[in-house]
N, C-alpha and C. Protein backbone atom coordinates (compact mmCIF):
# COMPACT_ATOMS: atom_id res chain seq x y z
N MET A 1 -53.56 27.67 -26.69
CA MET A 1 -52.45 28.32 -25.74
C MET A 1 -52.72 29.82 -25.92
N ARG A 2 -52.53 30.51 -24.82
CA ARG A 2 -52.64 32.06 -25.05
C ARG A 2 -51.02 32.57 -25.14
N THR A 3 -51.03 33.87 -25.47
CA THR A 3 -49.88 34.29 -25.58
C THR A 3 -49.64 35.08 -24.56
N ILE A 4 -48.54 34.91 -23.89
CA ILE A 4 -47.95 35.75 -22.88
C ILE A 4 -47.27 37.31 -23.25
N PHE A 5 -47.45 38.26 -23.40
CA PHE A 5 -46.60 39.16 -23.81
C PHE A 5 -44.99 39.77 -22.69
N SER A 6 -44.26 39.93 -23.01
CA SER A 6 -43.16 40.22 -21.87
C SER A 6 -43.23 41.71 -21.79
N GLU A 7 -42.50 42.14 -21.18
CA GLU A 7 -42.23 43.66 -20.72
C GLU A 7 -41.87 44.17 -22.34
N THR A 8 -40.63 43.86 -22.71
CA THR A 8 -40.11 44.19 -23.96
C THR A 8 -41.44 44.54 -25.23
N GLU A 9 -42.17 43.21 -25.22
CA GLU A 9 -43.20 42.94 -26.37
C GLU A 9 -44.17 44.16 -26.26
N ARG A 10 -44.61 44.07 -24.72
CA ARG A 10 -45.56 45.36 -24.15
C ARG A 10 -45.10 46.71 -24.74
N ALA A 11 -43.82 46.76 -24.56
CA ALA A 11 -43.29 48.19 -24.69
C ALA A 11 -43.35 48.39 -26.11
N ASN A 12 -42.92 47.75 -26.94
CA ASN A 12 -43.07 47.48 -28.54
C ASN A 12 -44.48 47.58 -29.21
N LEU A 13 -45.40 46.98 -28.35
CA LEU A 13 -47.27 47.01 -28.85
C LEU A 13 -47.52 48.29 -28.62
N LEU A 14 -47.06 49.02 -27.63
CA LEU A 14 -47.59 50.16 -27.07
C LEU A 14 -47.22 51.58 -27.94
N LYS A 15 -46.09 51.37 -28.85
CA LYS A 15 -45.59 52.34 -29.70
C LYS A 15 -46.65 52.23 -30.91
N ASN A 16 -46.95 51.26 -31.48
CA ASN A 16 -48.07 51.26 -32.44
C ASN A 16 -49.55 51.98 -31.99
N PRO A 17 -49.70 52.82 -33.12
CA PRO A 17 -50.61 53.87 -32.89
C PRO A 17 -52.29 53.19 -33.06
N SER A 18 -52.14 52.08 -33.45
CA SER A 18 -53.68 51.31 -33.26
C SER A 18 -53.60 50.62 -32.00
N VAL A 19 -52.73 50.71 -31.17
CA VAL A 19 -52.73 50.29 -29.79
C VAL A 19 -53.05 50.82 -28.59
N PHE A 20 -54.50 50.70 -28.04
CA PHE A 20 -54.76 51.45 -27.10
C PHE A 20 -54.39 51.07 -25.95
N ASN A 21 -54.10 49.89 -25.19
CA ASN A 21 -53.65 49.24 -24.03
C ASN A 21 -52.98 47.82 -24.21
N CYS A 22 -52.04 47.34 -23.52
CA CYS A 22 -51.61 45.99 -23.53
C CYS A 22 -51.14 45.82 -22.33
N SER A 23 -51.88 44.89 -22.06
CA SER A 23 -51.35 43.97 -20.71
C SER A 23 -50.38 42.63 -20.93
N GLU A 24 -50.22 41.98 -19.90
CA GLU A 24 -49.63 40.56 -20.17
C GLU A 24 -50.14 39.75 -20.96
N ARG A 25 -51.50 39.63 -21.08
CA ARG A 25 -52.35 38.93 -21.64
C ARG A 25 -53.20 39.43 -22.70
N CYS A 26 -53.50 40.85 -22.85
CA CYS A 26 -54.57 40.89 -23.89
C CYS A 26 -54.37 42.38 -24.31
N MET A 27 -54.65 42.71 -25.32
CA MET A 27 -54.01 43.74 -26.27
C MET A 27 -55.57 44.55 -26.79
N ASN A 28 -55.44 45.58 -26.60
CA ASN A 28 -56.99 46.55 -26.90
C ASN A 28 -56.42 47.44 -28.01
N TYR A 29 -57.46 47.64 -29.24
CA TYR A 29 -57.00 48.24 -30.33
C TYR A 29 -57.98 49.77 -30.25
N THR A 30 -57.28 51.03 -30.47
CA THR A 30 -58.16 52.09 -30.61
C THR A 30 -59.56 51.97 -31.48
N TYR A 31 -60.46 52.88 -30.83
CA TYR A 31 -61.63 52.56 -31.77
C TYR A 31 -61.49 53.22 -33.14
N GLU A 32 -60.74 54.10 -33.44
CA GLU A 32 -60.54 54.42 -34.92
C GLU A 32 -59.65 53.52 -36.15
N PHE A 33 -58.79 52.73 -35.17
CA PHE A 33 -58.40 51.25 -35.66
C PHE A 33 -59.57 50.34 -36.18
N LYS A 34 -60.29 50.44 -35.45
CA LYS A 34 -61.01 48.85 -35.32
C LYS A 34 -62.17 49.77 -36.10
N ILE A 35 -62.96 50.93 -36.53
CA ILE A 35 -63.62 51.57 -37.70
C ILE A 35 -63.10 51.60 -38.92
N ARG A 36 -61.78 51.81 -38.97
CA ARG A 36 -61.07 51.67 -40.03
C ARG A 36 -61.17 50.50 -40.92
N ALA A 37 -60.95 49.47 -40.10
CA ALA A 37 -60.68 48.09 -40.17
C ALA A 37 -62.22 47.45 -40.57
N LEU A 38 -63.11 47.92 -40.07
CA LEU A 38 -64.42 47.36 -40.35
C LEU A 38 -64.95 48.08 -41.59
N GLU A 39 -64.54 49.41 -41.94
CA GLU A 39 -64.82 50.19 -43.55
C GLU A 39 -63.76 49.37 -44.24
N LEU A 40 -62.60 49.01 -44.37
CA LEU A 40 -62.07 48.28 -45.20
C LEU A 40 -62.80 47.15 -45.44
N HIS A 41 -62.93 45.97 -44.54
CA HIS A 41 -63.47 44.78 -44.69
C HIS A 41 -64.93 44.87 -45.35
N SER A 42 -65.88 45.63 -45.12
CA SER A 42 -66.90 46.20 -46.07
C SER A 42 -66.33 46.54 -47.34
N GLU A 43 -65.34 47.20 -47.68
CA GLU A 43 -65.34 47.45 -48.90
C GLU A 43 -64.61 45.89 -49.67
N GLY A 44 -64.45 44.97 -49.25
CA GLY A 44 -64.10 43.79 -49.78
C GLY A 44 -62.66 43.45 -49.73
N ILE A 45 -62.21 44.05 -49.01
CA ILE A 45 -60.37 43.82 -48.51
C ILE A 45 -60.85 42.76 -47.16
N SER A 46 -59.88 41.60 -47.04
CA SER A 46 -59.99 40.48 -46.37
C SER A 46 -59.45 40.74 -45.13
N THR A 47 -59.65 40.13 -43.74
CA THR A 47 -59.19 40.69 -42.34
C THR A 47 -57.52 40.37 -42.86
N LYS A 48 -57.20 39.38 -43.45
CA LYS A 48 -55.81 39.31 -43.60
C LYS A 48 -55.01 40.00 -44.17
N GLU A 49 -55.54 40.44 -45.31
CA GLU A 49 -54.94 41.73 -45.77
C GLU A 49 -54.79 42.86 -45.03
N ILE A 50 -55.55 43.25 -44.45
CA ILE A 50 -55.71 44.31 -43.39
C ILE A 50 -54.93 44.30 -42.34
N TRP A 51 -54.76 43.30 -41.64
CA TRP A 51 -53.55 42.82 -40.57
C TRP A 51 -52.22 42.91 -41.46
N ARG A 52 -52.00 42.24 -42.37
CA ARG A 52 -50.70 42.10 -43.32
C ARG A 52 -50.21 43.64 -43.41
N PHE A 53 -51.37 44.57 -44.26
CA PHE A 53 -50.83 45.53 -44.76
C PHE A 53 -50.27 46.79 -43.28
N TYR A 54 -51.21 46.62 -42.14
CA TYR A 54 -50.78 47.28 -41.18
C TYR A 54 -49.67 46.76 -40.56
N TRP A 55 -49.46 45.95 -39.90
CA TRP A 55 -48.42 45.19 -39.27
C TRP A 55 -47.13 45.31 -40.06
N VAL A 56 -46.79 44.82 -41.70
CA VAL A 56 -45.63 44.83 -42.44
C VAL A 56 -45.57 46.29 -42.32
N TRP A 57 -46.20 47.11 -43.01
CA TRP A 57 -45.84 48.68 -43.43
C TRP A 57 -45.99 49.24 -42.32
N GLY A 58 -46.59 48.96 -41.33
CA GLY A 58 -46.86 49.97 -39.96
C GLY A 58 -47.49 51.45 -40.03
N VAL A 59 -48.43 51.31 -40.90
CA VAL A 59 -49.31 52.60 -41.47
C VAL A 59 -50.61 52.35 -41.28
N PHE A 60 -51.32 53.29 -41.02
CA PHE A 60 -52.72 53.29 -40.58
C PHE A 60 -53.40 54.17 -41.90
N ILE A 61 -54.12 53.11 -42.89
CA ILE A 61 -54.97 53.44 -43.87
C ILE A 61 -56.20 54.01 -44.04
């Protein structure tokens, strides 16, 4: 089942510095965030840890 974002959810997601664009059914991340996530993953940090840290603390590491 696909997620459908409401207007409120989209507005909140667009406040996130790593989100480039957000529509009703799709969210796009910034190039910088994608590169940093790949760097962290190559250093041995799991994808789950990268997302949890970013979304819980709201910081770009």
